[in-house]
Protein backbone atom coordinates (compact mmCIF):
# COMPACT_ATOMS: atom_id res chain seq x y z
CA MET A 1 -32.17 35.40 -24.45
CA PRO A 2 -33.48 34.51 -20.95
CA ASP A 3 -31.69 35.74 -17.82
CA SER A 4 -30.79 32.20 -16.92
CA ILE A 5 -29.74 29.10 -18.79
CA SER A 6 -30.25 26.05 -16.65
CA VAL A 7 -29.39 22.79 -18.34
CA ARG A 8 -28.37 19.73 -16.41
CA HIS A 9 -27.01 16.44 -17.67
CA PRO A 10 -27.36 14.16 -14.64
CA VAL A 11 -27.17 11.02 -16.77
CA LEU A 12 -23.77 11.84 -18.23
CA SER A 13 -21.13 10.56 -15.85
CA ARG A 14 -18.33 12.72 -17.22
CA TYR A 15 -19.66 16.12 -16.25
CA SER A 16 -22.63 18.32 -15.73
CA ALA A 17 -23.08 21.20 -18.16
CA SER A 18 -24.78 24.27 -16.84
CA ALA A 19 -24.88 27.97 -17.54
CA GLU A 20 -26.53 30.31 -15.08
CA GLY A 21 -27.06 34.03 -14.90
CA SER A 22 -26.63 35.21 -11.34
CA ARG A 23 -27.50 38.65 -10.01
CA ALA A 24 -26.32 38.03 -6.46
CA GLY A 25 -24.38 35.46 -4.49
CA ASN A 26 -21.32 33.47 -5.24
CA LEU A 27 -22.09 30.64 -7.66
CA SER A 28 -18.70 28.97 -7.11
CA GLN A 29 -19.27 28.70 -3.35
CA ILE A 30 -22.80 27.37 -3.86
CA MET A 31 -21.62 24.73 -6.34
CA GLN A 32 -18.73 23.71 -4.05
CA HIS A 33 -21.22 23.20 -1.22
CA ILE A 34 -23.67 21.25 -3.40
CA ASN A 35 -20.92 19.03 -4.83
CA GLY A 36 -19.48 18.37 -1.37
CA ALA A 37 -22.86 17.62 0.20
CA TYR A 38 -23.86 15.29 -2.64
CA THR A 39 -20.49 13.52 -2.55
CA ASN A 40 -20.90 12.90 1.20
CA PHE A 41 -24.46 11.64 0.70
CA PHE A 42 -23.40 9.35 -2.16
CA ASN A 43 -20.35 7.97 -0.31
CA VAL A 44 -22.24 7.28 2.93
CA ARG A 45 -25.12 5.60 1.12
CA ARG A 46 -22.80 3.35 -0.91
CA LYS A 47 -20.23 2.82 1.86
CA ARG A 48 -17.38 4.27 -0.13
CA SER A 49 -14.98 7.20 0.15
CA GLY A 50 -13.11 9.59 -2.07
CA HIS A 51 -13.89 11.96 -4.89
CA LEU A 52 -17.12 11.58 -6.80
CA PHE A 53 -16.62 14.13 -9.57
CA GLN A 54 -13.57 14.33 -11.83
CA GLY A 55 -11.82 17.68 -11.74
CA ARG A 56 -12.88 20.88 -10.03
CA TYR A 57 -16.01 22.93 -10.56
CA LYS A 58 -15.24 25.77 -12.93
CA ALA A 59 -17.30 28.92 -13.44
CA LEU A 60 -16.75 31.34 -16.32
CA LEU A 61 -18.31 34.76 -16.72
CA VAL A 62 -19.99 35.02 -20.12
CA ASP A 63 -20.55 38.64 -21.05
CA ILE A 64 -20.47 38.55 -24.85
CA ASP A 65 -23.76 37.69 -26.60
CA GLU A 66 -22.12 35.66 -29.39
CA TYR A 67 -20.28 33.49 -26.86
CA ALA A 68 -23.45 33.07 -24.78
CA GLN A 69 -25.31 31.88 -27.89
CA GLU A 70 -22.53 29.42 -28.74
CA LEU A 71 -22.48 28.15 -25.15
CA SER A 72 -26.27 27.69 -25.20
CA ARG A 73 -26.05 25.85 -28.52
CA TYR A 74 -23.34 23.54 -27.15
CA ILE A 75 -25.30 22.75 -23.97
CA HIS A 76 -28.60 22.14 -25.75
CA LEU A 77 -27.13 19.99 -28.54
CA ASN A 78 -24.91 17.86 -26.27
CA PRO A 79 -27.61 15.20 -25.60
CA VAL A 80 -28.09 14.91 -29.38
CA LYS A 81 -24.33 14.55 -30.02
CA THR A 82 -24.04 11.85 -27.35
CA GLY A 83 -26.94 9.90 -28.89
CA MET A 84 -29.24 10.24 -25.88
CA VAL A 85 -32.00 11.82 -27.99
CA GLU A 86 -32.59 12.62 -31.65
CA LYS A 87 -33.77 16.22 -31.11
CA PRO A 88 -32.79 18.68 -28.34
CA GLU A 89 -36.43 19.21 -27.30
CA GLN A 90 -36.67 15.49 -26.45
CA TYR A 91 -34.13 15.78 -23.61
CA ARG A 92 -36.32 16.05 -20.52
CA TRP A 93 -33.90 18.12 -18.35
CA SER A 94 -33.21 20.76 -20.99
CA SER A 95 -34.35 24.36 -21.06
CA TYR A 96 -34.26 24.24 -24.87
CA GLN A 97 -38.06 24.55 -25.09
CA ASP A 98 -37.87 27.83 -23.14
CA TYR A 99 -35.65 29.27 -25.86
CA ILE A 100 -37.63 28.21 -28.90
CA GLY A 101 -41.07 28.76 -27.39
CA PRO A 102 -44.09 26.45 -27.18
CA PRO A 103 -44.83 24.06 -30.06
CA GLU A 104 -47.24 25.46 -32.63
């Protein structure tokens, strides 16, 4: 399994699913800054105010291989379950192809 899982769902308005392996730094602080900066940008551009994302950013440490595999499966299959694509490799922002390797 790669050191980092990086899967984004920018089209889904409910949430963004991501799993990252971090060797240094504080991921929660980085995400708080990114979310705050993007919210400010979005609100200024659209002349609005208030929260942009529902709920708080939540980070969980995944240190068990079985759970990491289940988390990766959930993230990669989510675009299929929501009907955005028929196969996980069709979702353009997915790292699924990095896991299964190049097409033969």
